[in-house]
Amino acid sequence: MPRPVLDETRIHPAIREKTAGHGAAIIAEVEAAIAADTVVVVGMAMNPFPRRARRLLQARGIPHRYLEYGSYLGDWRRRNALKMWTGWPTFPMVFVRGQLIGGAADLARLLESGEFDRLAAG
């Protein structure tokens, strides 16, 4: 089921470049990480859920890359671009082989069911 995204024809031509480039640097950084690493966790400081996701992976000896962008009050504008890009409303954002699998609770479910291993194996 496709997510709703405002069609470009409904964006005034004078601002299209601005909307297209919004958050490009942080998105490119995450894109590079998910292309290079099997498991990537994107999070923020002081949030217990990215920490939980990382602990779940560490407990099973699963190598991963962690990208941290600010805290609750810092860097929220940059993080907002990631939320708009993925459609995922919270942190962490956990990627396996480039696919967004959700957050810490979703990771725990996939680990418990064994599906994580299938996804990670490719």
Protein backbone atom coordinates (compact mmCIF):
# COMPACT_ATOMS: atom_id res chain seq x y z
CA MET A 1 0.00 0.00 0.00
CA PRO A 2 1.65 3.26 -1.09
CA ARG A 3 2.04 6.11 1.39
CA PRO A 4 0.45 9.42 0.51
CA VAL A 5 2.99 11.97 -0.67
CA LEU A 6 1.99 15.33 -2.04
CA ASP A 7 2.27 15.13 -5.81
CA GLU A 8 4.93 17.43 -7.28
CA THR A 9 2.34 19.04 -9.56
CA ARG A 10 0.67 20.38 -6.40
CA ILE A 11 3.87 22.12 -5.28
CA HIS A 12 4.47 25.56 -6.73
CA PRO A 13 7.45 25.55 -9.15
CA ALA A 14 9.19 28.30 -7.16
CA ILE A 15 9.60 26.03 -4.13
CA ARG A 16 10.06 22.61 -5.75
CA GLU A 17 13.83 22.74 -5.49
CA LYS A 18 13.61 23.60 -1.80
CA THR A 19 11.23 20.73 -1.06
CA ALA A 20 13.23 18.28 -3.15
CA GLY A 21 16.47 19.16 -1.36
CA HIS A 22 15.09 19.25 2.17
CA GLY A 23 17.18 16.97 4.36
CA ALA A 24 19.25 15.73 1.43
CA ALA A 25 22.51 15.54 3.42
CA ILE A 26 21.17 13.48 6.32
CA ILE A 27 19.22 11.22 3.96
CA ALA A 28 22.35 10.67 1.86
CA GLU A 29 24.29 9.77 5.02
CA VAL A 30 21.71 7.18 6.06
CA GLU A 31 21.45 5.85 2.49
CA ALA A 32 25.23 5.36 2.40
CA ALA A 33 25.16 3.52 5.73
CA ILE A 34 22.33 1.18 4.75
CA ALA A 35 24.11 0.44 1.46
CA ALA A 36 27.37 -0.39 3.27
CA ASP A 37 26.16 -2.25 6.37
CA THR A 38 23.76 -5.15 6.83
CA VAL A 39 22.14 -3.68 9.96
CA VAL A 40 21.82 0.03 10.70
CA VAL A 41 20.14 1.63 13.70
CA VAL A 42 19.31 5.33 13.42
CA GLY A 43 18.62 6.99 16.74
CA MET A 44 19.04 9.93 19.02
CA ALA A 45 20.64 10.60 22.39
CA MET A 46 18.64 10.27 25.60
CA ASN A 47 15.98 8.11 23.93
CA PRO A 48 15.81 4.66 25.55
CA PHE A 49 14.41 2.89 22.48
CA PRO A 50 17.50 3.20 20.24
CA ARG A 51 19.52 1.97 23.22
CA ARG A 52 17.15 -1.00 23.56
CA ALA A 53 17.53 -1.89 19.87
CA ARG A 54 21.31 -1.76 20.13
CA ARG A 55 21.30 -3.94 23.26
CA LEU A 56 19.13 -6.53 21.52
CA LEU A 57 21.62 -6.71 18.66
CA GLN A 58 24.67 -6.72 20.95
CA ALA A 59 23.20 -9.51 23.11
CA ARG A 60 23.04 -11.72 20.01
CA GLY A 61 26.42 -10.64 18.69
CA ILE A 62 24.91 -9.02 15.60
CA PRO A 63 27.22 -6.39 14.12
CA HIS A 64 25.53 -3.11 13.26
CA ARG A 65 26.18 0.54 12.59
CA TYR A 66 24.63 3.15 14.84
CA LEU A 67 23.93 6.66 13.60
CA GLU A 68 22.94 9.16 16.28
CA TYR A 69 21.40 12.51 15.44
CA GLY A 70 21.06 14.91 18.35
CA SER A 71 18.74 14.62 21.32
CA TYR A 72 15.18 15.58 22.06
CA LEU A 73 15.89 19.30 21.71
CA GLY A 74 18.88 19.23 19.39
CA ASP A 75 18.95 18.34 15.71
CA TRP A 76 15.18 17.69 15.57
CA ARG A 77 14.87 19.53 12.25
CA ARG A 78 17.41 17.21 10.62
CA ARG A 79 15.74 14.13 12.13
CA ASN A 80 12.39 15.34 10.85
CA ALA A 81 13.69 14.92 7.29
CA LEU A 82 14.31 11.23 8.05
CA LYS A 83 10.77 10.82 9.34
CA MET A 84 9.36 12.40 6.19
CA TRP A 85 11.64 10.28 4.00
CA THR A 86 10.77 6.96 5.62
CA GLY A 87 7.26 7.65 6.84
CA TRP A 88 8.34 6.13 10.19
CA PRO A 89 7.28 8.43 13.04
CA THR A 90 9.71 7.45 15.82
CA PHE A 91 13.27 6.48 16.65
CA PRO A 92 15.00 4.20 16.30
CA MET A 93 14.72 3.38 12.67
CA VAL A 94 16.18 -0.07 12.15
CA PHE A 95 17.26 -1.13 8.66
CA VAL A 96 18.22 -4.66 7.62
CA ARG A 97 19.78 -5.01 4.17
CA GLY A 98 18.42 -1.58 3.28
CA GLN A 99 14.85 -2.36 4.34
CA LEU A 100 13.21 -0.42 7.16
CA ILE A 101 11.90 -2.99 9.62
CA GLY A 102 10.57 -0.50 12.20
CA GLY A 103 11.73 0.29 15.71
CA ALA A 104 12.98 -1.54 18.78
CA ALA A 105 9.74 -3.49 19.40
CA ASP A 106 9.62 -4.56 15.74
CA LEU A 107 13.25 -5.67 15.91
CA ALA A 108 12.52 -7.70 19.05
CA ARG A 109 9.59 -9.44 17.31
CA LEU A 110 11.68 -10.30 14.27
CA LEU A 111 14.53 -11.61 16.42
CA GLU A 112 12.13 -13.72 18.49
CA SER A 113 10.38 -15.18 15.45
CA GLY A 114 13.63 -15.96 13.61
CA GLU A 115 12.66 -13.78 10.66
CA PHE A 116 15.51 -11.38 11.40
CA ASP A 117 18.03 -14.10 10.52
CA ARG A 118 16.30 -14.70 7.19
CA LEU A 119 16.28 -10.99 6.38
CA ALA A 120 19.91 -10.51 7.39
CA ALA A 121 21.02 -13.50 5.34
CA GLY A 122 19.54 -11.92 2.25
